[in-house]
Amino acid sequence: MALVGYFSTSPAYHHLPPDYALIRLSFAHAGQRLGECRERTPEELAKLPPNMRALIVCPRERVPLAIELEIDGTLVYRAQVPPSGFARDGAATVYQRIPIAAGSHRIAVRLNDRSTAGFAYQREATLHLAAGRVLLIDFSAAHGGFVFTD
């Protein structure tokens, strides 16, 4: 029992080195569909069984997400995140932990969820990160893009 008591307090666990903060980039988002919806022709509809005769057909596959994170002008994370699911029709999930020295930092994050070039969503901010604090970078298209929470 004394052994359990000892290991419940020792060795001490520190999730970050002293004078460091953490940036956590974490979200799930579904990119746009890879193709456009279209109407089936009368000939196509006639070839289908009656229970499959939907007039509009849309592709299921989604575009992979392109994401970049810069801290103080240095690119620290860049990824092409594929959609989940067997048919590649689900949300892409991003999770990245970046320890950083405490203090003020210029943070820029960009995301493209479309098949066109460039970034559809961008956010830049100068934030002061105190030692031991965690900055969460989340994404919500309903709220206009990236959300910074500390």
Foldseek 3Di string as FASTA:
>chain_A
DVVVVDVVCPPHDDPADWQKEKEKEWEWAFFAAPDDKDFDDPVVQVPDDPVPRDGIDGQQAFAWKWKWKDKQNHTDDTDGFFADDPSSRHITIDIDMDMDGFAKIKMKMFMDRDPDDDTPAIDIDIDGGGTPYYWYWYFDVVVPTIDIDD
